Structure formats: C-alpha cells, structure tokens
Amino acid sequence: MSDAGWKTVAQALSDLDFPATKQDIVDHVRRHGAPEPVQRLLRALPLGTYLNISEIRSSAPPEPEVDEGLSRSDQARQAWERNKAHNHLVAEHLRDTG
C-alpha cells in the first residue's frame, strides 16, 4: 500500500485505543465506515494484539486481496511466512524454529 493509502489507514484508526486486537481494529473501521480497501487490508492482518499503527503497518500483507477467500489456516500460514523474516526481533527462547 502506498504512503497515501497508509495515511487513510492512520486516519481511520486515529481514535482507536491501543493496544488493540485484530478484531478490535476490524470492528472499529467497520463501525466508522472506512473505505473498503482499508477494511480489506485490516481484515488481512495476522491475529494478534497491536500496540500502535506502526505494528499494524509492519504486519500488513503487501497485497491483502491475495488473502481474501483463503481459509484461516492458509491466511495464518501466509502471515507466518511473511513475518518470519522479522524473527530476529523476537527473543531467542520465543522463536518458532519449526
């Protein structure tokens, strides 16, 4: 998503209280009528709790429409693959080495 697109996401989440779960985020943008591309992007986030917009941005898939229609397990697998490059940011004893 472009920087302009992320400004729209940030605006849609400007009054959201963090930390927030994925479900909190999705519900918030739906209730506030965010544009469909923003809602699609946030629905494609991996399950988890996010501390700020920066964490959301780093976890968001590059192409959320690719995740649409996938089973939850396939979405989770794709999210894991996307995020395993960031594994070095996790304490060694918490890393999933599988």
Protein backbone atom coordinates (compact mmCIF):
# COMPACT_ATOMS: atom_id res chain seq x y z
CA MET A 1 0.00 0.00 0.00
CA SER A 2 1.25 3.47 -0.83
CA ASP A 3 2.13 6.12 1.74
CA ALA A 4 -1.07 7.96 0.79
CA GLY A 5 -3.00 4.75 1.47
CA TRP A 6 -1.34 4.45 4.88
CA LYS A 7 -2.42 8.00 5.67
CA THR A 8 -6.00 6.83 5.07
CA VAL A 9 -5.44 3.84 7.36
CA ALA A 10 -3.91 6.07 10.05
CA GLN A 11 -6.86 8.44 9.77
CA ALA A 12 -9.33 5.54 10.09
CA LEU A 13 -7.54 4.39 13.25
CA SER A 14 -6.84 7.82 14.73
CA ASP A 15 -9.35 7.43 17.56
CA LEU A 16 -8.71 3.74 18.27
CA ASP A 17 -7.37 2.95 21.72
CA PHE A 18 -4.22 0.80 21.66
CA PRO A 19 -3.35 -1.92 22.42
CA ALA A 20 -5.99 -3.41 20.16
CA THR A 21 -6.63 -6.90 18.86
CA LYS A 22 -7.14 -7.58 15.19
CA GLN A 23 -10.87 -7.96 15.87
CA ASP A 24 -10.96 -4.60 17.70
CA ILE A 25 -9.29 -2.97 14.71
CA VAL A 26 -11.59 -4.57 12.13
CA ASP A 27 -14.70 -3.72 14.16
CA HIS A 28 -13.53 -0.13 14.62
CA VAL A 29 -13.01 0.59 10.91
CA ARG A 30 -16.27 -1.15 10.01
CA ARG A 31 -18.24 0.92 12.55
CA HIS A 32 -16.63 4.14 11.35
CA GLY A 33 -17.22 3.43 7.65
CA ALA A 34 -13.61 3.29 6.49
CA PRO A 35 -13.11 2.79 2.75
CA GLU A 36 -13.27 -0.84 1.58
CA PRO A 37 -9.54 -1.05 0.69
CA VAL A 38 -8.69 -0.04 4.27
CA GLN A 39 -11.11 -2.60 5.70
CA ARG A 40 -9.74 -5.31 3.38
CA LEU A 41 -6.17 -4.55 4.41
CA LEU A 42 -7.00 -4.71 8.11
CA ARG A 43 -9.03 -7.92 7.75
CA ALA A 44 -5.89 -9.48 6.26
CA LEU A 45 -3.79 -8.75 9.37
CA PRO A 46 -2.46 -11.74 11.28
CA LEU A 47 -4.27 -12.49 14.54
CA GLY A 48 -2.68 -10.68 17.42
CA THR A 49 -2.64 -7.60 19.58
CA TYR A 50 -1.15 -4.45 18.14
CA LEU A 51 0.41 -1.69 20.21
CA ASN A 52 0.32 1.05 17.55
CA ILE A 53 -0.16 1.85 13.86
CA SER A 54 3.50 1.07 13.20
CA GLU A 55 2.99 -2.55 14.28
CA ILE A 56 -0.07 -2.76 12.06
CA ARG A 57 1.88 -1.42 9.10
CA SER A 58 4.75 -3.87 9.57
CA SER A 59 2.31 -6.80 9.89
CA ALA A 60 0.01 -5.94 7.00
CA PRO A 61 0.29 -8.09 3.89
CA PRO A 62 1.63 -6.34 0.80
CA GLU A 63 -1.37 -7.49 -1.23
CA PRO A 64 -4.37 -8.11 1.04
CA GLU A 65 -6.62 -9.10 -1.84
CA VAL A 66 -4.47 -12.22 -2.25
CA ASP A 67 -5.61 -13.34 1.23
CA GLU A 68 -9.32 -12.83 0.52
CA GLY A 69 -11.13 -16.13 0.19
CA LEU A 70 -8.40 -18.19 1.86
CA SER A 71 -9.14 -20.38 4.84
CA ARG A 72 -7.98 -19.08 8.21
CA SER A 73 -5.23 -21.68 8.35
CA ASP A 74 -3.95 -20.65 4.90
CA GLN A 75 -4.08 -16.98 5.92
CA ALA A 76 -2.15 -17.80 9.09
CA ARG A 77 0.44 -19.76 7.11
CA GLN A 78 0.91 -16.83 4.70
CA ALA A 79 1.19 -14.38 7.60
CA TRP A 80 3.78 -16.60 9.27
CA GLU A 81 5.79 -16.79 6.06
CA ARG A 82 5.66 -13.01 5.62
CA ASN A 83 6.67 -12.36 9.21
CA LYS A 84 9.35 -14.99 9.71
CA ALA A 85 11.87 -12.54 8.26
CA HIS A 86 11.24 -10.45 11.39
CA ASN A 87 12.01 -13.43 13.65
CA HIS A 88 15.28 -11.81 14.69
CA LEU A 89 13.21 -9.22 16.58
CA VAL A 90 11.90 -11.91 18.94
CA ALA A 91 13.86 -13.18 21.92
CA GLU A 92 15.59 -16.41 21.00
CA HIS A 93 13.66 -18.53 23.51
CA LEU A 94 10.34 -17.32 21.97
CA ARG A 95 11.23 -18.04 18.35
CA ASP A 96 9.29 -20.58 16.34
CA THR A 97 12.03 -22.59 14.70
CA GLY A 98 9.66 -25.04 13.03
